């Protein structure tokens, strides 16, 4: 079965058990790549996250059992790079 190219807010929330606000905080802190926001003009704005966000979210949820969020930031940057820097280009 091919891997999806993106995941939705609902999928990330269901898999991780965290709130939408937590996902947004993780983006601001550079833990997750920012989603693409799309509007179909009828049902409002929807977020589509890169498929990699699901792997990262799993990593963050597991790491939170042992580390503080600022420590996880360093682990994420070491493994995936700094998304905050990518957005400045």
N, C-alpha and C. Protein backbone atom coordinates (compact mmCIF):
# COMPACT_ATOMS: atom_id res chain seq x y z
N UNK A 1 0.85 -1.19 0.00
CA UNK A 1 0.00 0.00 0.00
C UNK A 1 0.89 1.24 0.00
N UNK A 2 0.67 2.17 -0.92
CA UNK A 2 1.51 3.37 -0.99
C UNK A 2 1.28 4.27 0.22
N UNK A 3 2.34 4.93 0.62
CA UNK A 3 2.28 5.85 1.75
C UNK A 3 1.61 7.14 1.31
N UNK A 4 0.70 7.69 2.13
CA UNK A 4 0.04 8.94 1.74
C UNK A 4 1.04 10.09 1.67
N UNK A 5 0.75 11.06 0.80
CA UNK A 5 1.63 12.22 0.65
C UNK A 5 1.36 13.27 1.72
N UNK A 6 0.19 13.19 2.34
CA UNK A 6 -0.15 14.16 3.38
C UNK A 6 -1.07 13.51 4.40
N UNK A 7 -1.18 14.16 5.56
CA UNK A 7 -2.13 13.75 6.59
C UNK A 7 -2.92 14.98 7.01
N UNK A 8 -4.08 14.76 7.57
CA UNK A 8 -4.96 15.85 7.99
C UNK A 8 -4.80 16.13 9.48
N UNK A 9 -5.33 17.28 9.93
CA UNK A 9 -5.37 17.58 11.36
C UNK A 9 -6.02 16.43 12.13
N UNK A 10 -7.13 15.97 11.61
CA UNK A 10 -7.90 14.93 12.29
C UNK A 10 -7.07 13.66 12.45
N UNK A 11 -6.32 13.30 11.42
CA UNK A 11 -5.47 12.10 11.52
C UNK A 11 -4.37 12.29 12.55
N UNK A 12 -3.72 13.45 12.55
CA UNK A 12 -2.66 13.71 13.53
C UNK A 12 -3.22 13.71 14.95
N UNK A 13 -4.37 14.32 15.15
CA UNK A 13 -4.97 14.37 16.47
C UNK A 13 -5.36 12.98 16.94
N UNK A 14 -5.95 12.19 16.04
CA UNK A 14 -6.38 10.83 16.40
C UNK A 14 -5.19 9.94 16.78
N UNK A 15 -4.12 10.06 16.04
CA UNK A 15 -2.96 9.20 16.27
C UNK A 15 -2.17 9.63 17.50
N UNK A 16 -2.05 10.94 17.72
CA UNK A 16 -1.20 11.43 18.80
C UNK A 16 -1.95 11.68 20.10
N UNK A 17 -3.25 11.97 20.01
CA UNK A 17 -4.02 12.29 21.20
C UNK A 17 -3.78 13.70 21.72
N UNK A 18 -3.14 14.56 20.92
CA UNK A 18 -2.91 15.94 21.35
C UNK A 18 -3.91 16.85 20.67
N UNK A 19 -4.04 18.05 21.18
CA UNK A 19 -5.00 19.01 20.63
C UNK A 19 -4.43 19.73 19.41
N UNK A 20 -5.31 20.38 18.69
CA UNK A 20 -4.91 21.20 17.55
C UNK A 20 -3.98 22.33 18.00
N UNK A 21 -4.25 22.86 19.19
CA UNK A 21 -3.41 23.92 19.73
C UNK A 21 -1.98 23.42 19.98
N UNK A 22 -1.86 22.19 20.45
CA UNK A 22 -0.52 21.60 20.65
C UNK A 22 0.21 21.46 19.33
N UNK A 23 -0.50 21.01 18.31
CA UNK A 23 0.13 20.88 16.98
C UNK A 23 0.63 22.24 16.51
N UNK A 24 -0.18 23.27 16.69
CA UNK A 24 0.23 24.62 16.28
C UNK A 24 1.44 25.10 17.08
N UNK A 25 1.47 24.80 18.37
CA UNK A 25 2.62 25.15 19.20
C UNK A 25 3.87 24.44 18.71
N UNK A 26 3.72 23.16 18.37
CA UNK A 26 4.87 22.39 17.89
C UNK A 26 5.41 22.97 16.59
N UNK A 27 4.53 23.49 15.73
CA UNK A 27 4.98 24.13 14.49
C UNK A 27 5.76 25.39 14.83
N UNK A 28 5.23 26.21 15.73
CA UNK A 28 5.90 27.46 16.11
C UNK A 28 7.28 27.20 16.71
N UNK A 29 7.42 26.09 17.41
CA UNK A 29 8.70 25.77 18.05
C UNK A 29 9.63 25.00 17.11
N UNK A 30 9.17 24.73 15.89
CA UNK A 30 10.02 24.05 14.92
C UNK A 30 10.03 22.54 15.05
N UNK A 31 9.10 21.98 15.83
CA UNK A 31 9.06 20.53 16.01
C UNK A 31 8.38 19.82 14.85
N UNK A 32 7.41 20.47 14.25
CA UNK A 32 6.69 19.91 13.10
C UNK A 32 6.81 20.84 11.91
N UNK A 33 6.82 20.28 10.70
CA UNK A 33 6.76 21.15 9.52
C UNK A 33 5.38 21.79 9.44
N UNK A 34 5.31 22.99 8.94
CA UNK A 34 4.03 23.70 8.83
C UNK A 34 3.13 23.01 7.81
N UNK A 35 1.83 22.97 8.09
CA UNK A 35 0.91 22.39 7.10
C UNK A 35 0.63 23.36 5.97
N UNK A 36 0.16 22.83 4.87
CA UNK A 36 -0.36 23.65 3.78
C UNK A 36 -1.83 23.87 4.07
N UNK A 37 -2.28 25.09 3.96
CA UNK A 37 -3.69 25.38 4.23
C UNK A 37 -4.42 25.56 2.90
N UNK A 38 -5.52 24.84 2.78
CA UNK A 38 -6.31 24.85 1.55
C UNK A 38 -7.75 25.23 1.85
N UNK A 39 -8.39 25.90 0.92
CA UNK A 39 -9.80 26.22 1.05
C UNK A 39 -10.51 25.80 -0.22
N UNK A 40 -11.64 25.10 -0.05
CA UNK A 40 -12.42 24.73 -1.22
C UNK A 40 -13.54 25.72 -1.47
N UNK A 41 -13.61 26.76 -0.63
CA UNK A 41 -14.63 27.78 -0.81
C UNK A 41 -15.97 27.44 -0.21
N UNK A 42 -16.14 26.20 0.28
CA UNK A 42 -17.43 25.79 0.83
C UNK A 42 -17.33 25.36 2.29
N UNK A 43 -16.38 24.51 2.58
CA UNK A 43 -16.31 23.94 3.94
C UNK A 43 -15.24 24.59 4.80
N UNK A 44 -14.63 25.64 4.31
CA UNK A 44 -13.63 26.35 5.09
C UNK A 44 -12.21 25.91 4.78
N UNK A 45 -11.32 26.29 5.66
CA UNK A 45 -9.89 26.03 5.46
C UNK A 45 -9.54 24.69 6.08
N UNK A 46 -8.76 23.92 5.36
CA UNK A 46 -8.29 22.62 5.84
C UNK A 46 -6.77 22.61 5.81
N UNK A 47 -6.20 21.89 6.75
CA UNK A 47 -4.74 21.76 6.80
C UNK A 47 -4.33 20.39 6.26
N UNK A 48 -3.30 20.42 5.45
CA UNK A 48 -2.70 19.18 4.97
C UNK A 48 -1.24 19.20 5.39
N UNK A 49 -0.88 18.25 6.21
CA UNK A 49 0.47 18.14 6.73
C UNK A 49 1.29 17.21 5.86
N UNK A 50 2.58 17.48 5.68
CA UNK A 50 3.42 16.52 4.98
C UNK A 50 3.37 15.19 5.74
N UNK A 51 3.45 14.09 5.03
CA UNK A 51 3.38 12.77 5.66
C UNK A 51 4.43 12.62 6.76
N UNK A 52 5.55 13.28 6.60
CA UNK A 52 6.62 13.24 7.61
C UNK A 52 6.13 13.73 8.98
N UNK A 53 5.13 14.60 9.00
CA UNK A 53 4.62 15.15 10.26
C UNK A 53 4.10 14.05 11.17
N UNK A 54 3.56 12.99 10.60
CA UNK A 54 3.04 11.89 11.39
C UNK A 54 4.17 11.17 12.12
N UNK A 55 5.25 10.91 11.43
CA UNK A 55 6.42 10.27 12.06
C UNK A 55 6.98 11.17 13.16
N UNK A 56 7.10 12.45 12.87
CA UNK A 56 7.62 13.39 13.87
C UNK A 56 6.70 13.47 15.08
N UNK A 57 5.39 13.53 14.84
CA UNK A 57 4.44 13.62 15.95
C UNK A 57 4.54 12.39 16.85
N UNK A 58 4.67 11.21 16.25
CA UNK A 58 4.88 9.99 17.04
C UNK A 58 6.13 10.12 17.90
N UNK A 59 7.20 10.60 17.29
CA UNK A 59 8.47 10.78 17.99
C UNK A 59 8.30 11.73 19.17
N UNK A 60 7.62 12.85 18.95
CA UNK A 60 7.43 13.85 19.99
C UNK A 60 6.61 13.28 21.15
N UNK A 61 5.52 12.59 20.82
CA UNK A 61 4.66 12.02 21.86
C UNK A 61 5.45 11.03 22.72
N UNK A 62 6.24 10.18 22.09
CA UNK A 62 7.04 9.22 22.84
C UNK A 62 8.12 9.92 23.66
N UNK A 63 8.76 10.93 23.07
CA UNK A 63 9.84 11.64 23.76
C UNK A 63 9.32 12.41 24.97
N UNK A 64 8.07 12.86 24.92
CA UNK A 64 7.50 13.62 26.04
C UNK A 64 7.41 12.79 27.31
N UNK A 65 7.49 11.47 27.18
CA UNK A 65 7.46 10.61 28.37
C UNK A 65 8.74 10.75 29.19
N UNK A 66 9.83 11.20 28.52
CA UNK A 66 11.14 11.23 29.16
C UNK A 66 11.80 12.61 29.17
N UNK A 67 11.39 13.50 28.27
CA UNK A 67 12.07 14.77 28.09
C UNK A 67 11.11 15.94 28.14
N UNK A 68 11.63 17.11 28.51
CA UNK A 68 10.88 18.36 28.44
C UNK A 68 10.84 18.81 26.98
N UNK A 69 9.88 19.67 26.65
CA UNK A 69 9.69 20.11 25.26
C UNK A 69 10.93 20.79 24.71
N UNK A 70 11.63 21.60 25.51
CA UNK A 70 12.83 22.26 25.01
C UNK A 70 13.93 21.24 24.70
N UNK A 71 13.96 20.12 25.41
CA UNK A 71 14.94 19.07 25.11
C UNK A 71 14.55 18.34 23.82
N UNK A 72 13.27 18.16 23.62
CA UNK A 72 12.78 17.49 22.42
C UNK A 72 13.09 18.33 21.19
N UNK A 73 13.03 19.66 21.33
CA UNK A 73 13.38 20.55 20.22
C UNK A 73 14.77 20.23 19.68
N UNK A 74 15.72 20.05 20.58
CA UNK A 74 17.09 19.74 20.17
C UNK A 74 17.16 18.38 19.48
N UNK A 75 16.42 17.40 19.99
CA UNK A 75 16.42 16.06 19.37
C UNK A 75 15.82 16.10 17.96
N UNK A 76 14.73 16.86 17.81
CA UNK A 76 14.08 16.98 16.50
C UNK A 76 15.00 17.67 15.50
N UNK A 77 15.64 18.74 15.93
CA UNK A 77 16.55 19.46 15.02
C UNK A 77 17.72 18.58 14.60
N UNK A 78 18.21 17.79 15.52
CA UNK A 78 19.32 16.89 15.20
C UNK A 78 18.89 15.84 14.17
N UNK A 79 17.67 15.35 14.31
CA UNK A 79 17.19 14.28 13.43
C UNK A 79 16.65 14.78 12.09
N UNK A 80 15.90 15.92 12.11
CA UNK A 80 15.22 16.40 10.89
C UNK A 80 15.67 17.78 10.42
N UNK A 81 16.49 18.45 11.16
CA UNK A 81 16.87 19.81 10.79
C UNK A 81 15.94 20.82 11.43
N UNK A 82 16.18 22.09 11.16
CA UNK A 82 15.43 23.17 11.79
C UNK A 82 14.42 23.75 10.80
N UNK A 83 13.15 23.44 10.98
CA UNK A 83 12.10 23.94 10.09
C UNK A 83 11.91 25.44 10.20
N UNK A 84 12.27 26.03 11.33
CA UNK A 84 12.14 27.48 11.46
C UNK A 84 13.09 28.17 10.49
N UNK A 85 14.26 27.62 10.26
CA UNK A 85 15.21 28.19 9.33
C UNK A 85 14.75 28.01 7.88
N UNK A 86 14.12 26.87 7.58
CA UNK A 86 13.64 26.60 6.22
C UNK A 86 12.59 27.62 5.81
N UNK A 87 11.77 28.05 6.76
CA UNK A 87 10.72 29.01 6.44
C UNK A 87 11.21 30.41 6.16
N UNK A 88 12.44 30.73 6.55
CA UNK A 88 13.00 32.07 6.36
C UNK A 88 13.58 32.28 4.99
N UNK A 89 13.77 31.22 4.23
CA UNK A 89 14.39 31.33 2.90
C UNK A 89 13.46 31.92 1.90
